[in-house]
C-alpha atoms as a PDB file:
ATOM      1  CA  MET A   1      86.015  98.957  44.217  1.00  0.00           C
ATOM      2  CA  GLY A   2      83.485  99.355  41.403  1.00  0.00           C
ATOM      3  CA  GLU A   3      81.443 101.843  43.413  1.00  0.00           C
ATOM      4  CA  SER A   4      81.081 105.394  42.162  1.00  0.00           C
ATOM      5  CA  ALA A   5      82.020 108.455  44.197  1.00  0.00           C
ATOM      6  CA  THR A   6      78.309 108.957  44.790  1.00  0.00           C
ATOM      7  CA  ASP A   7      77.921 105.401  46.157  1.00  0.00           C
ATOM      8  CA  ARG A   8      80.902 105.886  48.469  1.00  0.00           C
ATOM      9  CA  ALA A   9      79.510 109.198  49.745  1.00  0.00           C
ATOM     10  CA  GLU A  10      76.149 107.492  50.359  1.00  0.00           C
ATOM     11  CA  THR A  11      77.855 104.657  52.272  1.00  0.00           C
ATOM     12  CA  PHE A  12      79.660 107.265  54.386  1.00  0.00           C
ATOM     13  CA  ARG A  13      76.397 109.061  55.129  1.00  0.00           C
ATOM     14  CA  HIS A  14      74.620 105.835  56.103  1.00  0.00           C
ATOM     15  CA  ALA A  15      77.562 104.733  58.293  1.00  0.00           C
ATOM     16  CA  GLN A  16      77.794 108.000  60.212  1.00  0.00           C
ATOM     17  CA  GLU A  17      74.030 108.056  60.762  1.00  0.00           C
ATOM     18  CA  TYR A  18      74.005 104.397  61.815  1.00  0.00           C
ATOM     19  CA  ILE A  19      76.910 104.777  64.247  1.00  0.00           C
ATOM     20  CA  GLY A  20      75.474 107.981  65.722  1.00  0.00           C
ATOM     21  CA  ARG A  21      72.055 106.437  66.234  1.00  0.00           C
ATOM     22  CA  ARG A  22      73.326 103.194  67.758  1.00  0.00           C
ATOM     23  CA  VAL A  23      75.750 105.034  70.118  1.00  0.00           C
ATOM     24  CA  SER A  24      73.016 107.445  71.239  1.00  0.00           C
ATOM     25  CA  GLU A  25      70.592 104.577  71.952  1.00  0.00           C
ATOM     26  CA  SER A  26      73.233 102.768  73.961  1.00  0.00           C
ATOM     27  CA  LEU A  27      74.177 105.763  76.097  1.00  0.00           C
ATOM     28  CA  LYS A  28      70.517 106.717  76.793  1.00  0.00           C
ATOM     29  CA  ALA A  29      69.945 103.252  78.236  1.00  0.00           C
ATOM     30  CA  ILE A  30      72.560 103.654  81.014  1.00  0.00           C
ATOM     31  CA  ASP A  31      70.952 104.056  84.444  1.00  0.00           C
ATOM     32  CA  PRO A  32      71.649 107.601  85.707  1.00  0.00           C
ATOM     33  CA  ALA A  33      72.335 106.171  89.196  1.00  0.00           C
ATOM     34  CA  LEU A  34      75.265 104.197  87.727  1.00  0.00           C
ATOM     35  CA  ILE A  35      76.619 107.348  86.104  1.00  0.00           C
ATOM     36  CA  GLU A  36      76.354 109.244  89.371  1.00  0.00           C
ATOM     37  CA  ARG A  37      78.172 106.455  91.238  1.00  0.00           C
ATOM     38  CA  CYS A  38      80.899 106.428  88.567  1.00  0.00           C
ATOM     39  CA  ILE A  39      81.377 110.195  88.901  1.00  0.00           C
ATOM     40  CA  ARG A  40      81.553 109.881  92.697  1.00  0.00           C
ATOM     41  CA  ILE A  41      84.186 107.113  92.516  1.00  0.00           C
ATOM     42  CA  LEU A  42      86.299 109.098  90.035  1.00  0.00           C
ATOM     43  CA  THR A  43      86.128 112.344  91.987  1.00  0.00           C
ATOM     44  CA  GLU A  44      86.758 110.779  95.416  1.00  0.00           C
ATOM     45  CA  ALA A  45      89.556 108.309  94.600  1.00  0.00           C
ATOM     46  CA  PRO A  46      93.069 109.533  95.433  1.00  0.00           C
ATOM     47  CA  VAL A  47      94.326 108.044  92.153  1.00  0.00           C
ATOM     48  CA  THR A  48      92.535 106.717  89.067  1.00  0.00           C
ATOM     49  CA  PHE A  49      94.042 104.085  86.784  1.00  0.00           C
ATOM     50  CA  VAL A  50      92.783 103.493  83.255  1.00  0.00           C
ATOM     51  CA  TYR A  51      93.221 100.364  81.159  1.00  0.00           C
ATOM     52  CA  GLY A  52      92.053  99.003  77.836  1.00  0.00           C
ATOM     53  CA  ALA A  53      93.632  96.777  75.200  1.00  0.00           C
ATOM     54  CA  GLY A  54      93.819  97.612  71.491  1.00  0.00           C
ATOM     55  CA  ARG A  55      91.477 100.333  70.314  1.00  0.00           C
ATOM     56  CA  SER A  56      89.754 100.378  73.705  1.00  0.00           C
ATOM     57  CA  GLY A  57      93.163 101.302  75.116  1.00  0.00           C
ATOM     58  CA  ILE A  58      93.344 104.280  72.774  1.00  0.00           C
ATOM     59  CA  ILE A  59      89.985 105.473  74.126  1.00  0.00           C
ATOM     60  CA  GLY A  60      91.300 104.840  77.654  1.00  0.00           C
ATOM     61  CA  ARG A  61      94.424 106.914  77.062  1.00  0.00           C
ATOM     62  CA  ALA A  62      92.300 109.836  75.828  1.00  0.00           C
ATOM     63  CA  PHE A  63      90.117 109.534  78.932  1.00  0.00           C
ATOM     64  CA  ALA A  64      93.138 109.450  81.277  1.00  0.00           C
ATOM     65  CA  MET A  65      94.498 112.602  79.592  1.00  0.00           C
ATOM     66  CA  ARG A  66      91.198 114.390  80.176  1.00  0.00           C
ATOM     67  CA  LEU A  67      91.060 113.215  83.806  1.00  0.00           C
ATOM     68  CA  VAL A  68      94.492 114.760  84.414  1.00  0.00           C
ATOM     69  CA  GLN A  69      93.349 117.974  82.722  1.00  0.00           C
ATOM     70  CA  ALA A  70      90.309 117.930  85.032  1.00  0.00           C
ATOM     71  CA  GLY A  71      92.617 117.900  88.038  1.00  0.00           C
ATOM     72  CA  ILE A  72      92.450 114.185  88.861  1.00  0.00           C
ATOM     73  CA  THR A  73      95.604 112.176  89.416  1.00  0.00           C
ATOM     74  CA  ALA A  74      95.351 109.487  86.715  1.00  0.00           C
ATOM     75  CA  TYR A  75      97.649 106.941  85.118  1.00  0.00           C
ATOM     76  CA  VAL A  76      97.423 104.536  82.182  1.00  0.00           C
ATOM     77  CA  ILE A  77      98.191 100.988  83.277  1.00  0.00           C
ATOM     78  CA  GLY A  78     101.165  99.630  81.420  1.00  0.00           C
ATOM     79  CA  GLU A  79     103.146 102.849  81.196  1.00  0.00           C
ATOM     80  CA  SER A  80     106.598 102.780  82.807  1.00  0.00           C
ATOM     81  CA  VAL A  81     105.764 105.601  85.240  1.00  0.00           C
ATOM     82  CA  THR A  82     102.493 104.102  86.499  1.00  0.00           C
ATOM     83  CA  PRO A  83     102.603 103.292  90.220  1.00  0.00           C
ATOM     84  CA  ILE A  84     100.858 100.325  91.818  1.00  0.00           C
ATOM     85  CA  VAL A  85      97.155 100.510  92.496  1.00  0.00           C
ATOM     86  CA  ARG A  86      96.254 100.729  96.186  1.00  0.00           C
ATOM     87  CA  LYS A  87      93.214 100.342  98.385  1.00  0.00           C
ATOM     88  CA  GLY A  88      90.861 103.257  97.853  1.00  0.00           C
ATOM     89  CA  ASP A  89      92.063 104.013  94.316  1.00  0.00           C
ATOM     90  CA  ALA A  90      89.839 103.604  91.267  1.00  0.00           C
ATOM     91  CA  THR A  91      90.512 101.684  88.093  1.00  0.00           C
ATOM     92  CA  PHE A  92      88.523 102.348  84.949  1.00  0.00           C
ATOM     93  CA  LEU A  93      88.707  99.438  82.543  1.00  0.00           C
ATOM     94  CA  LEU A  94      87.337  99.409  78.979  1.00  0.00           C
ATOM     95  CA  SER A  95      86.752  96.127  77.128  1.00  0.00           C
ATOM     96  CA  GLY A  96      84.166  95.453  74.460  1.00  0.00           C
ATOM     97  CA  ARG A  97      84.057  91.663  74.860  1.00  0.00           C
ATOM     98  CA  GLY A  98      85.200  91.641  78.484  1.00  0.00           C
ATOM     99  CA  GLU A  99      87.219  88.475  77.959  1.00  0.00           C
ATOM    100  CA  SER A 100      90.782  89.560  77.103  1.00  0.00           C
ATOM    101  CA  TYR A 101      93.385  87.876  79.281  1.00  0.00           C
ATOM    102  CA  ALA A 102      95.200  91.121  80.045  1.00  0.00           C
ATOM    103  CA  SER A 103      92.011  92.867  81.118  1.00  0.00           C
ATOM    104  CA  ILE A 104      90.964  89.992  83.376  1.00  0.00           C
ATOM    105  CA  GLN A 105      94.442  89.847  84.978  1.00  0.00           C
ATOM    106  CA  THR A 106      94.377  93.599  85.531  1.00  0.00           C
ATOM    107  CA  ALA A 107      90.923  93.285  87.158  1.00  0.00           C
ATOM    108  CA  ASN A 108      92.162  90.517  89.446  1.00  0.00           C
ATOM    109  CA  ILE A 109      95.106  92.603  90.632  1.00  0.00           C
ATOM    110  CA  VAL A 110      92.882  95.663  91.187  1.00  0.00           C
ATOM    111  CA  ARG A 111      90.333  93.700  93.219  1.00  0.00           C
ATOM    112  CA  ARG A 112      93.103  91.982  95.249  1.00  0.00           C
ATOM    113  CA  GLN A 113      94.502  95.407  96.155  1.00  0.00           C
ATOM    114  CA  GLY A 114      91.073  96.610  97.316  1.00  0.00           C
ATOM    115  CA  ALA A 115      90.540  99.325  94.732  1.00  0.00           C
ATOM    116  CA  GLU A 116      87.250 100.159  93.052  1.00  0.00           C
ATOM    117  CA  LEU A 117      86.903  98.608  89.590  1.00  0.00           C
ATOM    118  CA  ILE A 118      84.721 100.380  87.057  1.00  0.00           C
ATOM    119  CA  VAL A 119      84.208  98.198  84.014  1.00  0.00           C
ATOM    120  CA  VAL A 120      82.784  99.493  80.739  1.00  0.00           C
ATOM    121  CA  THR A 121      81.855  96.636  78.407  1.00  0.00           C
ATOM    122  CA  ALA A 122      79.313  95.545  75.835  1.00  0.00           C
ATOM    123  CA  ARG A 123      78.970  92.080  77.412  1.00  0.00           C
ATOM    124  CA  PRO A 124      77.303  92.021  80.837  1.00  0.00           C
ATOM    125  CA  SER A 125      77.886  88.278  81.246  1.00  0.00           C
ATOM    126  CA  SER A 126      81.663  88.436  80.575  1.00  0.00           C
ATOM    127  CA  LYS A 127      84.301  87.457  83.099  1.00  0.00           C
ATOM    128  CA  LEU A 128      85.391  91.069  83.379  1.00  0.00           C
ATOM    129  CA  ALA A 129      81.836  92.201  84.079  1.00  0.00           C
ATOM    130  CA  HIS A 130      81.622  89.781  86.999  1.00  0.00           C
ATOM    131  CA  ALA A 131      84.764  91.295  88.537  1.00  0.00           C
ATOM    132  CA  ALA A 132      83.456  94.871  88.498  1.00  0.00           C
ATOM    133  CA  SER A 133      82.660  96.988  91.534  1.00  0.00           C
ATOM    134  CA  LEU A 134      80.633  99.140  89.143  1.00  0.00           C
ATOM    135  CA  LEU A 135      79.505  97.786  85.812  1.00  0.00           C
ATOM    136  CA  ILE A 136      78.567 100.095  82.913  1.00  0.00           C
ATOM    137  CA  VAL A 137      77.080  98.150  80.005  1.00  0.00           C
ATOM    138  CA  LEU A 138      77.098  99.739  76.586  1.00  0.00           C
ATOM    139  CA  ASP A 139      74.223  97.718  75.137  1.00  0.00           C
ATOM    140  CA  LEU A 140      74.915  97.316  71.438  1.00  0.00           C
ATOM    141  CA  PRO A 141      72.875  94.337  70.200  1.00  0.00           C
ATOM    142  CA  GLU A 142      73.770  92.839  66.849  1.00  0.00           C
ATOM    143  CA  ASP A 143      71.728  93.820  63.834  1.00  0.00           C
ATOM    144  CA  ALA A 144      71.851  93.275  60.051  1.00  0.00           C
ATOM    145  CA  GLU A 145      73.683  96.569  59.287  1.00  0.00           C
ATOM    146  CA  ARG A 146      76.460  96.412  61.897  1.00  0.00           C
ATOM    147  CA  LYS A 147      79.036  94.469  59.813  1.00  0.00           C
ATOM    148  CA  ARG A 148      78.688  96.850  56.873  1.00  0.00           C
ATOM    149  CA  PHE A 149      78.553 100.204  58.657  1.00  0.00           C
ATOM    150  CA  ALA A 150      80.432  99.561  61.922  1.00  0.00           C
ATOM    151  CA  PRO A 151      82.839  96.609  61.522  1.00  0.00           C
ATOM    152  CA  LEU A 152      84.559  94.869  64.410  1.00  0.00           C
ATOM    153  CA  GLY A 153      84.458  96.953  67.635  1.00  0.00           C
ATOM    154  CA  THR A 154      83.533 100.281  66.046  1.00  0.00           C
ATOM    155  CA  LEU A 155      80.232 100.695  67.947  1.00  0.00           C
ATOM    156  CA  PHE A 156      81.796  99.897  71.347  1.00  0.00           C
ATOM    157  CA  GLU A 157      84.743 102.172  70.737  1.00  0.00           C
ATOM    158  CA  SER A 158      82.577 105.035  69.483  1.00  0.00           C
ATOM    159  CA  ALA A 159      80.188 104.646  72.425  1.00  0.00           C
ATOM    160  CA  SER A 160      83.138 104.466  74.854  1.00  0.00           C
ATOM    161  CA  LEU A 161      84.632 107.674  73.546  1.00  0.00           C
ATOM    162  CA  ARG A 162      81.335 109.523  73.809  1.00  0.00           C
ATOM    163  CA  PHE A 163      80.665 108.054  77.241  1.00  0.00           C
ATOM    164  CA  THR A 164      84.071 109.004  78.636  1.00  0.00           C
ATOM    165  CA  ASP A 165      83.934 112.508  77.113  1.00  0.00           C
ATOM    166  CA  SER A 166      80.458 112.977  78.656  1.00  0.00           C
ATOM    167  CA  LEU A 167      81.816 111.751  82.001  1.00  0.00           C
ATOM    168  CA  ILE A 168      84.521 114.427  81.818  1.00  0.00           C
ATOM    169  CA  ALA A 169      81.856 117.123  81.490  1.00  0.00           C
ATOM    170  CA  ALA A 170      80.132 115.762  84.605  1.00  0.00           C
ATOM    171  CA  VAL A 171      83.395 115.422  86.505  1.00  0.00           C
ATOM    172  CA  LEU A 172      84.270 119.044  85.696  1.00  0.00           C
ATOM    173  CA  HIS A 173      80.902 120.147  87.005  1.00  0.00           C
ATOM    174  CA  ALA A 174      81.271 118.020  90.164  1.00  0.00           C
ATOM    175  CA  ARG A 175      84.727 119.472  90.891  1.00  0.00           C
ATOM    176  CA  GLY A 176      83.845 123.066  90.059  1.00  0.00           C
ATOM    177  CA  GLU A 177      86.275 122.994  87.140  1.00  0.00           C
ATOM    178  CA  SER A 178      86.004 124.651  83.735  1.00  0.00           C
ATOM    179  CA  GLU A 179      87.587 124.565  80.313  1.00  0.00           C
ATOM    180  CA  GLU A 180      89.905 127.336  81.510  1.00  0.00           C
ATOM    181  CA  THR A 181      91.174 125.286  84.477  1.00  0.00           C
ATOM    182  CA  MET A 182      91.565 122.291  82.194  1.00  0.00           C
ATOM    183  CA  GLN A 183      93.593 124.402  79.761  1.00  0.00           C
ATOM    184  CA  SER A 184      95.954 125.377  82.589  1.00  0.00           C
ATOM    185  CA  ARG A 185      96.770 121.655  83.009  1.00  0.00           C
ATOM    186  CA  HIS A 186      97.015 120.866  79.306  1.00  0.00           C
ATOM    187  CA  ALA A 187     100.386 119.381  78.475  1.00  0.00           C
ATOM    188  CA  ILE A 188     102.679 121.227  76.124  1.00  0.00           C
ATOM    189  CA  MET A 189     103.160 118.996  73.110  1.00  0.00           C
ATOM    190  CA  VAL A 190     106.090 119.461  70.816  1.00  0.00           C
END
């Protein structure tokens, strides 16, 4: 509270640089073959379901919206209009720790139904990671600056948003879609 406006501006600058650098490093480390498989699953599944708890769920909802705008039938798990997952469908699950009870239960149901389970997590040894058909690890090792510049799950959530937004660009390309075709599916918000 005793910081000056200059100190606060400097903290902001360091935080945005730190978050940007850490997210970029994490995304560059993902095997391109995993990304290609993820795109194939998303574009070939008759229906895609998206789930995440807390802030990961907010990222998931944004991703589901973009999938719909890209012409993919997508639902957010937990909404009252979401149908049941079926064999051949895809489920895209975001969880930083990969240990939340709701995420693990969702994964168990998805696997029991015979659907593909794409898991995006920061913890490759988590229970959720072990349930995945396709595991995407956002490698974000702890360092001395993380607590100050990216508290709690900030790095995972920022990396997840950038990862899912980048996936949308690749899905659009794979489907022969464009911003114009997306716009034609954009919901009218009042």
